[in-house]
Amino acid sequence: LAYTGDAAHPVRPTGEGTALAFEDAVVLGRAVARHGLGVEALRAYERERYEPVRLISEKIRRAADAFYKSKGDTVGYDAK
């Protein structure tokens, strides 16, 4: 089982989620073409996507936090 797009890494609605889904599909397709259907392909997909998705997710989180904080809105804002 492989999750892609927002099922794998939901982000706030900034447009980045759509791009991530397309990137996931390309990377997963290449991994399956290279390794066949199986665990090896899924691990290759995971290795290739983890860091880029983590960086983008953090960037979106920081931008959203700054936006809500600047509006004085604490609803849905996790003030850590």
Protein backbone atom coordinates (compact mmCIF):
# COMPACT_ATOMS: atom_id res chain seq x y z
CA LEU A 1 0.00 0.00 0.00
CA ALA A 2 1.39 3.39 -0.97
CA TYR A 3 -0.12 6.72 -0.13
CA THR A 4 0.38 9.69 -2.42
CA GLY A 5 -0.64 13.33 -2.44
CA ASP A 6 -2.68 14.66 0.46
CA ALA A 7 -3.31 11.14 1.76
CA ALA A 8 0.42 10.84 2.39
CA HIS A 9 1.19 14.38 3.46
CA PRO A 10 -1.74 16.75 3.89
CA VAL A 11 -0.76 20.41 3.78
CA ARG A 12 -2.71 23.64 4.06
CA PRO A 13 -4.38 24.71 0.79
CA THR A 14 -1.56 26.63 -0.86
CA GLY A 15 -1.34 24.80 -4.19
CA GLU A 16 1.70 22.88 -3.02
CA GLY A 17 -0.39 19.78 -2.31
CA THR A 18 -1.28 19.40 -5.97
CA ALA A 19 2.35 19.67 -7.00
CA LEU A 20 3.34 17.12 -4.35
CA ALA A 21 0.72 14.67 -5.65
CA PHE A 22 2.04 14.93 -9.21
CA GLU A 23 5.62 14.52 -8.01
CA ASP A 24 4.59 11.49 -5.93
CA ALA A 25 2.97 9.87 -8.96
CA VAL A 26 6.05 10.37 -11.13
CA VAL A 27 8.45 9.08 -8.48
CA LEU A 28 6.25 6.07 -7.65
CA GLY A 29 5.86 5.23 -11.34
CA ARG A 30 9.62 5.33 -11.86
CA ALA A 31 10.24 3.23 -8.75
CA VAL A 32 7.79 0.57 -9.94
CA ALA A 33 9.31 0.61 -13.44
CA ARG A 34 12.79 0.20 -11.93
CA HIS A 35 12.03 -2.32 -9.18
CA GLY A 36 8.74 -3.97 -10.17
CA LEU A 37 5.67 -4.19 -7.97
CA GLY A 38 6.85 -4.90 -4.48
CA VAL A 39 8.43 -3.71 -1.30
CA GLU A 40 11.66 -2.61 -2.98
CA ALA A 41 9.77 -0.12 -5.17
CA LEU A 42 7.85 1.23 -2.19
CA ARG A 43 11.03 1.69 -0.15
CA ALA A 44 12.71 3.49 -3.08
CA TYR A 45 9.65 5.78 -3.38
CA GLU A 46 9.74 6.49 0.35
CA ARG A 47 13.48 7.24 0.35
CA GLU A 48 13.20 9.64 -2.56
CA ARG A 49 10.13 11.53 -1.34
CA TYR A 50 10.67 11.80 2.42
CA GLU A 51 13.09 14.72 2.60
CA PRO A 52 11.58 16.93 -0.14
CA VAL A 53 8.09 16.50 1.33
CA ARG A 54 9.33 17.20 4.85
CA LEU A 55 10.98 20.44 3.74
CA ILE A 56 7.92 21.66 1.83
CA SER A 57 5.55 20.72 4.66
CA GLU A 58 7.65 22.67 7.15
CA LYS A 59 7.78 25.68 4.81
CA ILE A 60 3.99 25.67 4.44
CA ARG A 61 3.53 25.29 8.20
CA ARG A 62 5.79 28.27 8.93
CA ALA A 63 4.00 30.42 6.35
CA ALA A 64 0.57 29.47 7.72
CA ASP A 65 1.69 30.10 11.30
CA ALA A 66 3.02 33.53 10.35
CA PHE A 67 -0.19 34.36 8.48
CA TYR A 68 -2.50 33.41 11.33
CA LYS A 69 -0.27 35.01 13.93
CA SER A 70 -0.18 38.29 11.95
CA LYS A 71 -3.99 38.32 11.84
CA GLY A 72 -4.18 37.80 15.59
CA ASP A 73 -6.14 34.62 14.92
CA THR A 74 -5.51 31.79 17.36
CA VAL A 75 -8.18 29.46 15.96
CA GLY A 76 -6.36 26.48 14.54
CA TYR A 77 -3.03 28.02 15.50
CA ASP A 78 -0.71 25.83 17.52
CA ALA A 79 1.39 28.35 19.44
CA LYS A 80 4.40 26.26 20.39
